[in-house]
Every structure is written in structure tokens, then in C-alpha cells.
Amino acid sequence: MIPVNRRRFLAMALSWPAVASAAVNAPSQAGPSDLIETMLTRAHLPRHSNELWVLVDDKEATLSVFRGSALIERFMPISLGRSGAKTQRVRGDNVTPKGEFRINRFNYQSQWRTFMGIDFPTPPHARMALEKGIYSQADYENYFDYYRRNGYPPQDTALGGAIGIHGLGSADPDIHGRFHWTQGCVAVTNEQIDRLTDLVGVGTRVVIR
């Protein structure tokens, strides 16, 4: 039997747009598309009036927590990957992936004080990787096979993994205030990650745009 939390995240994974019918099909003859960019046109809208969700804005270097459309708290400046934020990320490129995610784990013993993992790569990221030739058809099918068996995405494919929101730990606050320095995660100060931990939980939606 699959645990309740695993069933919930598996349902989330398989409910992404275009996933159900595309799970084992070849890329469209229309050519590569940017599914993530398309999704982001509406991802910043709350799902319902009481939804608690997080918006990470690359251009403004901010992380905002909302309840519905009401701003609860905003942290700035934040640090992203050294190579910026893009819809397509591959392992080792120091890019923060744009898209719509869910917090799926917490590590309170992280070197970064607290680490909130997100469910990257999502099914739309996998689909886009297939269309762009980053994933082979076998890679794509293996991705969904792993997701179905484990309830979360594989972390060791060509797209990489271990992406999340974390504090500074013992990192230099001065560097954090002036540069994007992470390998792809979203970094806030230690005080901010403590506050964020009080606000969000497993299942909270995170939009990075």
C-alpha cells in the first residue's frame, strides 16, 4: 500500500497539464515548446481565496508568501542560482528552475540551517526535456516509472535535483546581499528561513518565475 502522503504527491504529479496523455508518447511534430512558460502565465494566481502559497520573483529578487491574493510577508533580497533562473535546467548548470512546484520535504539538520525541498523536476519539466532532446524516450518513461513507484521525482537524471529553499547556514551574508550565489536553489537569510518554516509546510505551492 502506498502511504497517504505519497499517494497525494503522486496524484499531484500525474495531474499536471498535458501529462496524462503524454506520459509515454513521442514529442509533438510541431517542435519543442516551453510548457513551463505557458504554465507560468497563470501560476501566479491563487488556486482559491484561502490558499497559502509562495511566489519567488527572479527579476525583483523577492520571495513573497500569500494567503489567496493577500500578501503575508515578503523577503528581499534573495539569492538564486549563479546562472540565473530559466524554465529549462540541466544538472550542474547552476540554474534555478522556473515553474510551479510543491514543497515535499524539510531537512532541519541541513548545512543551510533548514532546507525545504521542492518537487523538481516536475512532469512538465520532464516533458520539455523530452521535446528538446535532453531526455530520450527511455529517460522519459523511466522518469514516470520512478515517480509512480516512489511518489516523488528522481533526482539523478540529466535535469539534476536537490532543488529547494534554504537559509545561509554559515555562508557570508554580505555575498548573499550582493550576488546570486547558489547552485540552483533559492536562498534567504537564516532569520528568514526560520520565519518561512513557521508559515509553510509540505504541500505548499511554490511558483518561481
N, C-alpha and C. Protein backbone atom coordinates (compact mmCIF):
# COMPACT_ATOMS: atom_id res chain seq x y z
N MET A 1 0.85 -1.20 0.00
CA MET A 1 0.00 0.00 0.00
C MET A 1 0.88 1.24 0.00
N ILE A 2 0.52 2.23 -0.82
CA ILE A 2 1.28 3.48 -0.88
C ILE A 2 0.84 4.37 0.28
N PRO A 3 1.80 4.93 1.08
CA PRO A 3 1.43 5.82 2.17
C PRO A 3 0.59 6.99 1.67
N VAL A 4 -0.21 7.59 2.60
CA VAL A 4 -1.13 8.65 2.21
C VAL A 4 -0.40 9.81 1.57
N ASN A 5 0.72 10.27 2.20
CA ASN A 5 1.41 11.44 1.64
C ASN A 5 2.00 11.11 0.28
N ARG A 6 2.46 9.88 0.07
CA ARG A 6 3.00 9.50 -1.23
C ARG A 6 1.89 9.47 -2.28
N ARG A 7 0.71 8.95 -1.89
CA ARG A 7 -0.42 8.93 -2.82
C ARG A 7 -0.79 10.35 -3.23
N ARG A 8 -0.76 11.26 -2.25
CA ARG A 8 -1.15 12.64 -2.54
C ARG A 8 -0.20 13.26 -3.55
N PHE A 9 1.10 13.08 -3.36
CA PHE A 9 2.04 13.70 -4.28
C PHE A 9 2.07 12.99 -5.62
N LEU A 10 1.79 11.70 -5.63
CA LEU A 10 1.68 11.01 -6.90
C LEU A 10 0.50 11.55 -7.69
N ALA A 11 -0.61 11.80 -7.00
CA ALA A 11 -1.77 12.38 -7.67
C ALA A 11 -1.45 13.76 -8.21
N MET A 12 -0.70 14.55 -7.44
CA MET A 12 -0.29 15.87 -7.92
C MET A 12 0.54 15.75 -9.19
N ALA A 13 1.48 14.81 -9.17
CA ALA A 13 2.38 14.66 -10.32
C ALA A 13 1.62 14.31 -11.57
N LEU A 14 0.70 13.38 -11.45
CA LEU A 14 0.01 12.88 -12.63
C LEU A 14 -1.16 13.76 -13.06
N SER A 15 -1.41 14.84 -12.31
CA SER A 15 -2.48 15.75 -12.71
C SER A 15 -1.96 16.99 -13.41
N TRP A 16 -0.64 17.08 -13.63
CA TRP A 16 -0.09 18.23 -14.33
C TRP A 16 -0.67 18.32 -15.74
N PRO A 17 -0.82 19.53 -16.29
CA PRO A 17 -1.33 19.68 -17.66
C PRO A 17 -0.49 18.90 -18.66
N ALA A 18 -1.17 18.26 -19.57
CA ALA A 18 -0.57 17.56 -20.71
C ALA A 18 0.16 16.28 -20.31
N VAL A 19 0.13 15.91 -19.02
CA VAL A 19 0.91 14.75 -18.61
C VAL A 19 0.17 13.45 -18.86
N ALA A 20 -1.11 13.40 -18.50
CA ALA A 20 -1.83 12.14 -18.54
C ALA A 20 -1.77 11.48 -19.91
N SER A 21 -1.94 12.27 -20.98
CA SER A 21 -1.94 11.70 -22.31
C SER A 21 -0.56 11.64 -22.93
N ALA A 22 0.43 12.30 -22.30
CA ALA A 22 1.75 12.40 -22.91
C ALA A 22 2.78 11.52 -22.25
N ALA A 23 2.40 10.76 -21.24
CA ALA A 23 3.39 10.08 -20.42
C ALA A 23 4.33 9.18 -21.20
N VAL A 24 3.86 8.54 -22.26
CA VAL A 24 4.75 7.63 -22.99
C VAL A 24 4.77 7.92 -24.48
N ASN A 25 4.35 9.10 -24.88
CA ASN A 25 4.31 9.43 -26.30
C ASN A 25 5.55 10.18 -26.74
N ALA A 26 5.82 10.15 -28.02
CA ALA A 26 6.96 10.87 -28.59
C ALA A 26 6.65 12.35 -28.65
N PRO A 27 7.68 13.22 -28.83
CA PRO A 27 7.44 14.66 -28.92
C PRO A 27 6.51 15.01 -30.07
N SER A 28 5.82 16.12 -29.91
CA SER A 28 4.92 16.60 -30.94
C SER A 28 5.68 16.97 -32.21
N GLN A 29 5.08 16.75 -33.34
CA GLN A 29 5.69 17.11 -34.60
C GLN A 29 5.77 18.63 -34.77
N ALA A 30 5.06 19.36 -33.93
CA ALA A 30 5.09 20.81 -34.02
C ALA A 30 6.41 21.39 -33.53
N GLY A 31 7.25 20.57 -32.89
CA GLY A 31 8.54 21.03 -32.42
C GLY A 31 8.50 21.34 -30.94
N PRO A 32 9.68 21.65 -30.36
CA PRO A 32 9.77 21.92 -28.94
C PRO A 32 8.91 23.09 -28.51
N SER A 33 8.32 22.98 -27.32
CA SER A 33 7.53 24.06 -26.76
C SER A 33 8.05 24.37 -25.37
N ASP A 34 7.68 25.51 -24.82
CA ASP A 34 8.06 25.84 -23.46
C ASP A 34 6.82 25.72 -22.58
N LEU A 35 6.58 24.49 -22.12
CA LEU A 35 5.40 24.22 -21.30
C LEU A 35 5.42 25.05 -20.02
N ILE A 36 6.60 25.24 -19.47
CA ILE A 36 6.71 25.95 -18.20
C ILE A 36 6.31 27.41 -18.37
N GLU A 37 6.81 28.02 -19.42
CA GLU A 37 6.46 29.42 -19.67
C GLU A 37 4.96 29.58 -19.85
N THR A 38 4.35 28.63 -20.53
CA THR A 38 2.90 28.66 -20.72
C THR A 38 2.17 28.54 -19.38
N MET A 39 2.63 27.63 -18.54
CA MET A 39 2.01 27.44 -17.23
C MET A 39 2.17 28.67 -16.35
N LEU A 40 3.32 29.35 -16.47
CA LEU A 40 3.59 30.49 -15.60
C LEU A 40 2.68 31.68 -15.88
N THR A 41 2.01 31.69 -17.02
CA THR A 41 1.11 32.81 -17.31
C THR A 41 -0.06 32.86 -16.34
N ARG A 42 -0.36 31.73 -15.71
CA ARG A 42 -1.47 31.68 -14.74
C ARG A 42 -1.05 31.17 -13.37
N ALA A 43 0.18 30.73 -13.24
CA ALA A 43 0.61 30.12 -11.98
C ALA A 43 0.62 31.11 -10.81
N HIS A 44 0.74 32.40 -11.11
CA HIS A 44 0.81 33.40 -10.04
C HIS A 44 -0.56 33.73 -9.46
N LEU A 45 -1.61 33.11 -9.97
CA LEU A 45 -2.95 33.33 -9.44
C LEU A 45 -3.25 32.29 -8.36
N PRO A 46 -3.85 32.70 -7.23
CA PRO A 46 -4.17 31.72 -6.19
C PRO A 46 -5.18 30.69 -6.67
N ARG A 47 -5.07 29.47 -6.17
CA ARG A 47 -5.99 28.41 -6.55
C ARG A 47 -7.36 28.61 -5.91
N HIS A 48 -7.37 29.22 -4.73
CA HIS A 48 -8.62 29.57 -4.06
C HIS A 48 -8.31 30.70 -3.09
N SER A 49 -9.34 31.32 -2.54
CA SER A 49 -9.16 32.54 -1.76
C SER A 49 -8.37 32.34 -0.48
N ASN A 50 -8.30 31.09 0.01
CA ASN A 50 -7.60 30.83 1.27
C ASN A 50 -6.28 30.10 1.07
N GLU A 51 -5.85 29.94 -0.17
CA GLU A 51 -4.62 29.18 -0.42
C GLU A 51 -3.39 29.92 0.11
N LEU A 52 -2.56 29.20 0.86
CA LEU A 52 -1.25 29.71 1.27
C LEU A 52 -0.24 29.26 0.22
N TRP A 53 0.45 30.20 -0.40
CA TRP A 53 1.38 29.85 -1.46
C TRP A 53 2.54 30.84 -1.49
N VAL A 54 3.59 30.46 -2.21
CA VAL A 54 4.84 31.22 -2.24
C VAL A 54 5.15 31.63 -3.68
N LEU A 55 5.55 32.88 -3.86
CA LEU A 55 5.98 33.38 -5.16
C LEU A 55 7.42 33.85 -5.07
N VAL A 56 8.28 33.26 -5.87
CA VAL A 56 9.67 33.69 -6.00
C VAL A 56 9.80 34.44 -7.31
N ASP A 57 10.20 35.70 -7.23
CA ASP A 57 10.30 36.55 -8.42
C ASP A 57 11.77 36.79 -8.74
N ASP A 58 12.20 36.27 -9.88
CA ASP A 58 13.59 36.39 -10.30
C ASP A 58 13.99 37.84 -10.53
N LYS A 59 13.18 38.60 -11.24
CA LYS A 59 13.53 39.97 -11.60
C LYS A 59 13.61 40.88 -10.38
N GLU A 60 12.71 40.66 -9.41
CA GLU A 60 12.69 41.51 -8.22
C GLU A 60 13.56 40.97 -7.10
N ALA A 61 14.05 39.73 -7.25
CA ALA A 61 14.84 39.06 -6.20
C ALA A 61 14.08 39.07 -4.88
N THR A 62 12.82 38.62 -4.94
CA THR A 62 11.97 38.58 -3.75
C THR A 62 11.32 37.21 -3.59
N LEU A 63 11.00 36.89 -2.36
CA LEU A 63 10.18 35.71 -2.05
C LEU A 63 9.00 36.22 -1.24
N SER A 64 7.80 35.99 -1.74
CA SER A 64 6.58 36.51 -1.12
C SER A 64 5.67 35.35 -0.73
N VAL A 65 5.08 35.46 0.44
CA VAL A 65 4.11 34.48 0.93
C VAL A 65 2.73 35.12 0.88
N PHE A 66 1.80 34.43 0.24
CA PHE A 66 0.44 34.96 0.08
C PHE A 66 -0.57 34.03 0.73
N ARG A 67 -1.67 34.63 1.17
CA ARG A 67 -2.89 33.89 1.52
C ARG A 67 -3.94 34.35 0.52
N GLY A 68 -4.23 33.51 -0.46
CA GLY A 68 -5.06 33.96 -1.56
C GLY A 68 -4.32 35.04 -2.32
N SER A 69 -4.91 36.21 -2.45
CA SER A 69 -4.26 37.34 -3.11
C SER A 69 -3.64 38.32 -2.13
N ALA A 70 -3.74 38.04 -0.84
CA ALA A 70 -3.24 38.95 0.18
C ALA A 70 -1.79 38.61 0.55
N LEU A 71 -0.92 39.59 0.50
CA LEU A 71 0.48 39.40 0.86
C LEU A 71 0.61 39.28 2.37
N ILE A 72 1.26 38.18 2.81
CA ILE A 72 1.50 37.98 4.23
C ILE A 72 2.89 38.49 4.62
N GLU A 73 3.88 38.12 3.82
CA GLU A 73 5.25 38.52 4.14
C GLU A 73 6.09 38.48 2.87
N ARG A 74 7.08 39.38 2.80
CA ARG A 74 7.99 39.41 1.64
C ARG A 74 9.43 39.49 2.13
N PHE A 75 10.27 38.63 1.57
CA PHE A 75 11.69 38.61 1.92
C PHE A 75 12.51 39.10 0.74
N MET A 76 13.47 39.98 1.00
CA MET A 76 14.32 40.51 -0.05
C MET A 76 15.59 41.11 0.58
N PRO A 77 16.72 41.08 -0.18
CA PRO A 77 16.86 40.37 -1.45
C PRO A 77 17.12 38.89 -1.19
N ILE A 78 16.75 38.07 -2.14
CA ILE A 78 17.04 36.64 -2.08
C ILE A 78 18.13 36.32 -3.08
N SER A 79 18.72 35.13 -2.97
CA SER A 79 19.73 34.70 -3.92
C SER A 79 19.24 33.47 -4.67
N LEU A 80 19.50 33.47 -5.98
CA LEU A 80 19.15 32.34 -6.83
C LEU A 80 20.43 31.71 -7.37
N GLY A 81 20.30 30.86 -8.38
CA GLY A 81 21.45 30.20 -8.96
C GLY A 81 22.41 31.19 -9.61
N ARG A 82 23.69 30.85 -9.61
CA ARG A 82 24.71 31.73 -10.19
C ARG A 82 24.47 31.98 -11.68
N SER A 83 23.76 31.09 -12.35
CA SER A 83 23.47 31.26 -13.77
C SER A 83 22.06 31.78 -14.02
N GLY A 84 21.41 32.27 -12.98
CA GLY A 84 20.08 32.85 -13.14
C GLY A 84 18.97 31.83 -13.05
N ALA A 85 17.78 32.25 -13.47
CA ALA A 85 16.59 31.39 -13.44
C ALA A 85 16.08 31.19 -14.85
N LYS A 86 15.80 29.94 -15.21
CA LYS A 86 15.33 29.60 -16.55
C LYS A 86 14.30 28.48 -16.45
N THR A 87 13.49 28.35 -17.48
CA THR A 87 12.50 27.27 -17.48
C THR A 87 13.15 25.91 -17.68
N GLN A 88 14.26 25.87 -18.40
CA GLN A 88 14.95 24.60 -18.64
C GLN A 88 16.25 24.57 -17.84
N ARG A 89 16.39 23.59 -16.98
CA ARG A 89 17.60 23.41 -16.19
C ARG A 89 18.17 22.04 -16.48
N VAL A 90 19.49 21.95 -16.50
CA VAL A 90 20.15 20.65 -16.60
C VAL A 90 21.15 20.53 -15.46
N ARG A 91 21.50 19.32 -15.13
CA ARG A 91 22.38 19.05 -14.00
C ARG A 91 23.71 19.80 -14.12
N GLY A 92 24.07 20.50 -13.06
CA GLY A 92 25.37 21.15 -13.00
C GLY A 92 25.45 22.52 -13.61
N ASP A 93 24.34 23.08 -14.13
CA ASP A 93 24.45 24.38 -14.81
C ASP A 93 24.19 25.57 -13.89
N ASN A 94 23.95 25.31 -12.59
CA ASN A 94 23.76 26.39 -11.60
C ASN A 94 22.58 27.29 -11.92
N VAL A 95 21.57 26.74 -12.57
CA VAL A 95 20.35 27.48 -12.91
C VAL A 95 19.25 27.14 -11.91
N THR A 96 18.51 28.15 -11.48
CA THR A 96 17.30 27.93 -10.69
C THR A 96 16.15 27.66 -11.64
N PRO A 97 15.46 26.54 -11.49
CA PRO A 97 14.38 26.23 -12.43
C PRO A 97 13.14 27.08 -12.18
N LYS A 98 12.61 27.66 -13.23
CA LYS A 98 11.31 28.33 -13.13
C LYS A 98 10.21 27.28 -13.23
N GLY A 99 9.06 27.59 -12.67
CA GLY A 99 7.95 26.66 -12.78
C GLY A 99 7.06 26.71 -11.54
N GLU A 100 6.19 25.73 -11.48
CA GLU A 100 5.24 25.59 -10.38
C GLU A 100 5.54 24.29 -9.65
N PHE A 101 5.78 24.38 -8.35
CA PHE A 101 6.26 23.25 -7.57
C PHE A 101 5.45 23.11 -6.29
N ARG A 102 5.77 22.05 -5.55
CA ARG A 102 5.24 21.85 -4.19
C ARG A 102 6.41 21.55 -3.26
N ILE A 103 6.36 22.09 -2.06
CA ILE A 103 7.32 21.69 -1.04
C ILE A 103 7.03 20.24 -0.66
N ASN A 104 8.04 19.39 -0.73
CA ASN A 104 7.78 17.97 -0.43
C ASN A 104 8.65 17.38 0.67
N ARG A 105 9.52 18.20 1.27
CA ARG A 105 10.35 17.67 2.36
C ARG A 105 11.04 18.82 3.09
N PHE A 106 11.38 18.56 4.35
CA PHE A 106 12.13 19.51 5.18
C PHE A 106 13.35 18.79 5.75
N ASN A 107 14.49 19.46 5.74
CA ASN A 107 15.69 18.95 6.40
C ASN A 107 16.13 20.00 7.41
N TYR A 108 15.92 19.72 8.69
CA TYR A 108 16.25 20.69 9.73
C TYR A 108 17.70 20.55 10.20
N GLN A 109 18.41 19.57 9.68
CA GLN A 109 19.83 19.40 10.01
C GLN A 109 20.72 19.78 8.82
N SER A 110 20.20 20.57 7.91
CA SER A 110 20.95 20.97 6.72
C SER A 110 22.10 21.92 7.08
N GLN A 111 23.16 21.88 6.27
CA GLN A 111 24.25 22.85 6.44
C GLN A 111 23.75 24.27 6.17
N TRP A 112 22.57 24.39 5.54
CA TRP A 112 21.98 25.69 5.23
C TRP A 112 20.90 26.05 6.24
N ARG A 113 21.04 25.54 7.44
CA ARG A 113 20.12 25.76 8.57
C ARG A 113 18.86 24.92 8.39
N THR A 114 17.99 25.30 7.45
CA THR A 114 16.83 24.48 7.10
C THR A 114 16.74 24.42 5.59
N PHE A 115 16.46 23.25 5.06
CA PHE A 115 16.30 23.06 3.63
C PHE A 115 14.89 22.58 3.36
N MET A 116 14.14 23.32 2.52
CA MET A 116 12.80 22.93 2.09
C MET A 116 12.90 22.44 0.65
N GLY A 117 12.80 21.16 0.44
CA GLY A 117 12.90 20.63 -0.91
C GLY A 117 11.63 20.83 -1.71
N ILE A 118 11.77 21.06 -3.01
CA ILE A 118 10.62 21.14 -3.90
C ILE A 118 10.70 19.99 -4.90
N ASP A 119 9.56 19.71 -5.54
CA ASP A 119 9.45 18.51 -6.37
C ASP A 119 9.95 18.73 -7.81
N PHE A 120 11.15 19.26 -7.93
CA PHE A 120 11.80 19.36 -9.24
C PHE A 120 12.60 18.09 -9.49
N PRO A 121 12.59 17.59 -10.74
CA PRO A 121 11.88 18.06 -11.92
C PRO A 121 10.42 17.58 -11.94
N THR A 122 9.52 18.50 -12.28
CA THR A 122 8.10 18.16 -12.37
C THR A 122 7.83 17.47 -13.70
N PRO A 123 6.66 16.84 -13.85
CA PRO A 123 6.31 16.24 -15.14
C PRO A 123 6.40 17.20 -16.32
N PRO A 124 5.97 18.47 -16.21
CA PRO A 124 6.17 19.37 -17.36
C PRO A 124 7.64 19.61 -17.69
N HIS A 125 8.50 19.65 -16.67
CA HIS A 125 9.93 19.78 -16.96
C HIS A 125 10.45 18.54 -17.70
N ALA A 126 9.96 17.38 -17.30
CA ALA A 126 10.36 16.15 -17.97
C ALA A 126 9.88 16.15 -19.42
N ARG A 127 8.64 16.58 -19.62
CA ARG A 127 8.09 16.63 -20.98
C ARG A 127 8.90 17.57 -21.87
N MET A 128 9.25 18.73 -21.33
CA MET A 128 10.01 19.69 -22.11
C MET A 128 11.41 19.14 -22.40
N ALA A 129 11.99 18.41 -21.45
CA ALA A 129 13.30 17.81 -21.67
C ALA A 129 13.24 16.79 -22.80
N LEU A 130 12.14 16.05 -22.87
CA LEU A 130 11.96 15.10 -23.96
C LEU A 130 11.88 15.82 -25.30
N GLU A 131 11.07 16.88 -25.35
CA GLU A 131 10.89 17.61 -26.60
C GLU A 131 12.18 18.27 -27.09
N LYS A 132 13.05 18.64 -26.14
CA LYS A 132 14.29 19.32 -26.51
C LYS A 132 15.47 18.36 -26.67
N GLY A 133 15.21 17.08 -26.51
CA GLY A 133 16.26 16.09 -26.71
C GLY A 133 17.18 15.89 -25.53
N ILE A 134 16.85 16.49 -24.37
CA ILE A 134 17.65 16.29 -23.17
C ILE A 134 17.35 14.91 -22.57
N TYR A 135 16.08 14.51 -22.62
CA TYR A 135 15.68 13.16 -22.25
C TYR A 135 15.46 12.35 -23.52
N SER A 136 15.89 11.10 -23.50
CA SER A 136 15.46 10.16 -24.53
C SER A 136 14.07 9.66 -24.16
N GLN A 137 13.43 8.94 -25.07
CA GLN A 137 12.13 8.37 -24.74
C GLN A 137 12.24 7.43 -23.54
N ALA A 138 13.35 6.68 -23.47
CA ALA A 138 13.56 5.78 -22.33
C ALA A 138 13.73 6.56 -21.04
N ASP A 139 14.46 7.67 -21.09
CA ASP A 139 14.62 8.51 -19.91
C ASP A 139 13.27 9.01 -19.42
N TYR A 140 12.45 9.42 -20.37
CA TYR A 140 11.13 9.97 -20.05
C TYR A 140 10.25 8.91 -19.39
N GLU A 141 10.23 7.73 -19.96
CA GLU A 141 9.43 6.65 -19.39
C GLU A 141 9.96 6.24 -18.03
N ASN A 142 11.30 6.23 -17.87
CA ASN A 142 11.89 5.88 -16.58
C ASN A 142 11.54 6.91 -15.51
N TYR A 143 11.47 8.18 -15.93
CA TYR A 143 11.09 9.25 -15.01
C TYR A 143 9.72 8.96 -14.41
N PHE A 144 8.75 8.66 -15.25
CA PHE A 144 7.39 8.42 -14.75
C PHE A 144 7.29 7.10 -14.00
N ASP A 145 8.07 6.12 -14.41
CA ASP A 145 8.07 4.86 -13.66
C ASP A 145 8.57 5.09 -12.24
N TYR A 146 9.64 5.88 -12.11
CA TYR A 146 10.18 6.19 -10.78
C TYR A 146 9.15 6.97 -9.96
N TYR A 147 8.52 7.97 -10.61
CA TYR A 147 7.54 8.81 -9.90
C TYR A 147 6.37 7.96 -9.39
N ARG A 148 5.90 7.05 -10.21
CA ARG A 148 4.77 6.20 -9.81
C ARG A 148 5.15 5.29 -8.65
N ARG A 149 6.39 4.79 -8.67
CA ARG A 149 6.81 3.86 -7.63
C ARG A 149 7.13 4.55 -6.31
N ASN A 150 7.64 5.78 -6.37
CA ASN A 150 8.14 6.44 -5.17
C ASN A 150 7.32 7.64 -4.70
N GLY A 151 6.51 8.21 -5.59
CA GLY A 151 5.69 9.34 -5.18
C GLY A 151 6.41 10.67 -5.22
N TYR A 152 7.61 10.71 -5.76
CA TYR A 152 8.36 11.95 -5.93
C TYR A 152 9.31 11.76 -7.12
N PRO A 153 9.79 12.85 -7.72
CA PRO A 153 10.59 12.71 -8.94
C PRO A 153 12.00 12.22 -8.68
N PRO A 154 12.60 11.53 -9.63
CA PRO A 154 14.01 11.12 -9.49
C PRO A 154 14.91 12.34 -9.45
N GLN A 155 15.99 12.23 -8.70
CA GLN A 155 16.91 13.36 -8.51
C GLN A 155 18.23 13.18 -9.24
N ASP A 156 18.36 12.12 -10.00
CA ASP A 156 19.66 11.82 -10.61
C ASP A 156 19.59 11.72 -12.13
N THR A 157 18.64 12.43 -12.74
CA THR A 157 18.55 12.41 -14.20
C THR A 157 19.37 13.57 -14.76
N ALA A 158 19.29 13.76 -16.09
CA ALA A 158 20.03 14.85 -16.74
C ALA A 158 19.57 16.22 -16.27
N LEU A 159 18.39 16.31 -15.66
CA LEU A 159 17.89 17.60 -15.17
C LEU A 159 18.39 17.94 -13.78
N GLY A 160 19.02 17.00 -13.11
CA GLY A 160 19.50 17.25 -11.76
C GLY A 160 18.38 17.18 -10.73
N GLY A 161 18.68 17.67 -9.53
CA GLY A 161 17.71 17.62 -8.45
C GLY A 161 18.23 18.35 -7.24
N ALA A 162 17.71 18.00 -6.07
CA ALA A 162 18.10 18.63 -4.81
C ALA A 162 17.91 20.14 -4.85
N ILE A 163 16.78 20.57 -5.44
CA ILE A 163 16.46 22.00 -5.52
C ILE A 163 15.47 22.34 -4.40
N GLY A 164 15.68 23.49 -3.78
CA GLY A 164 14.77 23.89 -2.72
C GLY A 164 15.03 25.31 -2.26
N ILE A 165 14.45 25.64 -1.12
CA ILE A 165 14.61 26.94 -0.47
C ILE A 165 15.37 26.70 0.82
N HIS A 166 16.40 27.49 1.08
CA HIS A 166 17.19 27.26 2.29
C HIS A 166 17.77 28.57 2.83
N GLY A 167 18.31 28.48 4.04
CA GLY A 167 18.96 29.62 4.66
C GLY A 167 20.42 29.72 4.26
N LEU A 168 21.16 30.51 5.02
CA LEU A 168 22.57 30.71 4.73
C LEU A 168 23.47 29.73 5.48
N GLY A 169 23.00 29.23 6.60
CA GLY A 169 23.91 28.44 7.42
C GLY A 169 25.07 29.34 7.83
N SER A 170 26.29 28.92 7.49
CA SER A 170 27.48 29.73 7.80
C SER A 170 27.98 30.52 6.60
N ALA A 171 27.18 30.60 5.54
CA ALA A 171 27.59 31.36 4.35
C ALA A 171 27.66 32.85 4.66
N ASP A 172 28.36 33.60 3.81
CA ASP A 172 28.62 35.02 4.03
C ASP A 172 27.38 35.86 3.71
N PRO A 173 26.78 36.53 4.69
CA PRO A 173 25.61 37.37 4.43
C PRO A 173 25.89 38.51 3.46
N ASP A 174 27.12 39.00 3.44
CA ASP A 174 27.47 40.10 2.54
C ASP A 174 27.40 39.64 1.09
N ILE A 175 27.94 38.46 0.81
CA ILE A 175 27.85 37.91 -0.55
C ILE A 175 26.40 37.67 -0.92
N HIS A 176 25.64 37.14 0.03
CA HIS A 176 24.22 36.89 -0.22
C HIS A 176 23.49 38.17 -0.60
N GLY A 177 23.83 39.27 0.02
CA GLY A 177 23.16 40.53 -0.24
C GLY A 177 23.52 41.17 -1.56
N ARG A 178 24.63 40.70 -2.18
CA ARG A 178 25.11 41.36 -3.40
C ARG A 178 25.08 40.49 -4.65
N PHE A 179 25.07 39.15 -4.49
CA PHE A 179 25.20 38.28 -5.65
C PHE A 179 24.22 37.11 -5.57
N HIS A 180 23.85 36.59 -6.74
CA HIS A 180 23.24 35.27 -6.81
C HIS A 180 24.38 34.25 -6.72
N TRP A 181 24.30 33.35 -5.75
CA TRP A 181 25.46 32.50 -5.46
C TRP A 181 25.15 31.01 -5.37
N THR A 182 23.90 30.59 -5.44
CA THR A 182 23.60 29.18 -5.20
C THR A 182 23.84 28.33 -6.45
N GLN A 183 23.72 27.02 -6.28
CA GLN A 183 23.85 26.09 -7.41
C GLN A 183 22.51 25.83 -8.09
N GLY A 184 21.50 26.58 -7.70
CA GLY A 184 20.18 26.43 -8.31
C GLY A 184 19.04 26.57 -7.33
N CYS A 185 19.36 26.62 -6.04
CA CYS A 185 18.32 26.77 -5.03
C CYS A 185 17.96 28.25 -4.84
N VAL A 186 16.96 28.46 -4.01
CA VAL A 186 16.56 29.80 -3.58
C VAL A 186 17.05 29.98 -2.15
N ALA A 187 17.88 31.00 -1.90
CA ALA A 187 18.45 31.20 -0.57
C ALA A 187 17.91 32.47 0.05
N VAL A 188 17.61 32.39 1.34
CA VAL A 188 17.21 33.53 2.15
C VAL A 188 18.11 33.54 3.38
N THR A 189 17.99 34.54 4.23
CA THR A 189 18.81 34.57 5.43
C THR A 189 18.34 33.53 6.44
N ASN A 190 19.16 33.28 7.46
CA ASN A 190 18.77 32.32 8.48
C ASN A 190 17.52 32.75 9.22
N GLU A 191 17.41 34.04 9.52
CA GLU A 191 16.22 34.55 10.19
C GLU A 191 14.98 34.37 9.31
N GLN A 192 15.16 34.60 8.01
CA GLN A 192 14.03 34.47 7.09
C GLN A 192 13.61 33.01 6.91
N ILE A 193 14.55 32.08 6.87
CA ILE A 193 14.17 30.68 6.71
C ILE A 193 13.45 30.19 7.96
N ASP A 194 13.83 30.71 9.13
CA ASP A 194 13.11 30.36 10.36
C ASP A 194 11.66 30.84 10.29
N ARG A 195 11.49 32.06 9.82
CA ARG A 195 10.14 32.61 9.70
C ARG A 195 9.34 31.86 8.65
N LEU A 196 9.97 31.55 7.52
CA LEU A 196 9.28 30.84 6.45
C LEU A 196 8.86 29.45 6.90
N THR A 197 9.70 28.81 7.69
CA THR A 197 9.36 27.48 8.22
C THR A 197 8.09 27.52 9.06
N ASP A 198 7.88 28.64 9.75
CA ASP A 198 6.67 28.80 10.56
C ASP A 198 5.42 28.99 9.69
N LEU A 199 5.61 29.47 8.46
CA LEU A 199 4.48 29.84 7.62
C LEU A 199 4.01 28.72 6.68
N VAL A 200 4.95 27.93 6.16
CA VAL A 200 4.62 26.97 5.10
C VAL A 200 4.83 25.54 5.59
N GLY A 201 4.40 24.58 4.77
CA GLY A 201 4.56 23.18 5.13
C GLY A 201 4.63 22.31 3.88
N VAL A 202 4.72 21.02 4.10
CA VAL A 202 4.70 20.07 2.99
C VAL A 202 3.39 20.24 2.22
N GLY A 203 3.49 20.38 0.92
CA GLY A 203 2.33 20.57 0.08
C GLY A 203 2.12 22.00 -0.34
N THR A 204 2.79 22.96 0.31
CA THR A 204 2.64 24.37 -0.08
C THR A 204 3.12 24.58 -1.51
N ARG A 205 2.34 25.28 -2.30
CA ARG A 205 2.69 25.55 -3.70
C ARG A 205 3.73 26.66 -3.77
N VAL A 206 4.74 26.46 -4.61
CA VAL A 206 5.81 27.43 -4.81
C VAL A 206 5.90 27.74 -6.30
N VAL A 207 5.76 29.01 -6.64
CA VAL A 207 5.89 29.46 -8.03
C VAL A 207 7.21 30.23 -8.16
N ILE A 208 8.06 29.79 -9.08
CA ILE A 208 9.31 30.50 -9.35
C ILE A 208 9.20 31.04 -10.77
N ARG A 209 9.27 32.36 -10.90
CA ARG A 209 9.11 32.95 -12.23
C ARG A 209 10.15 34.06 -12.48
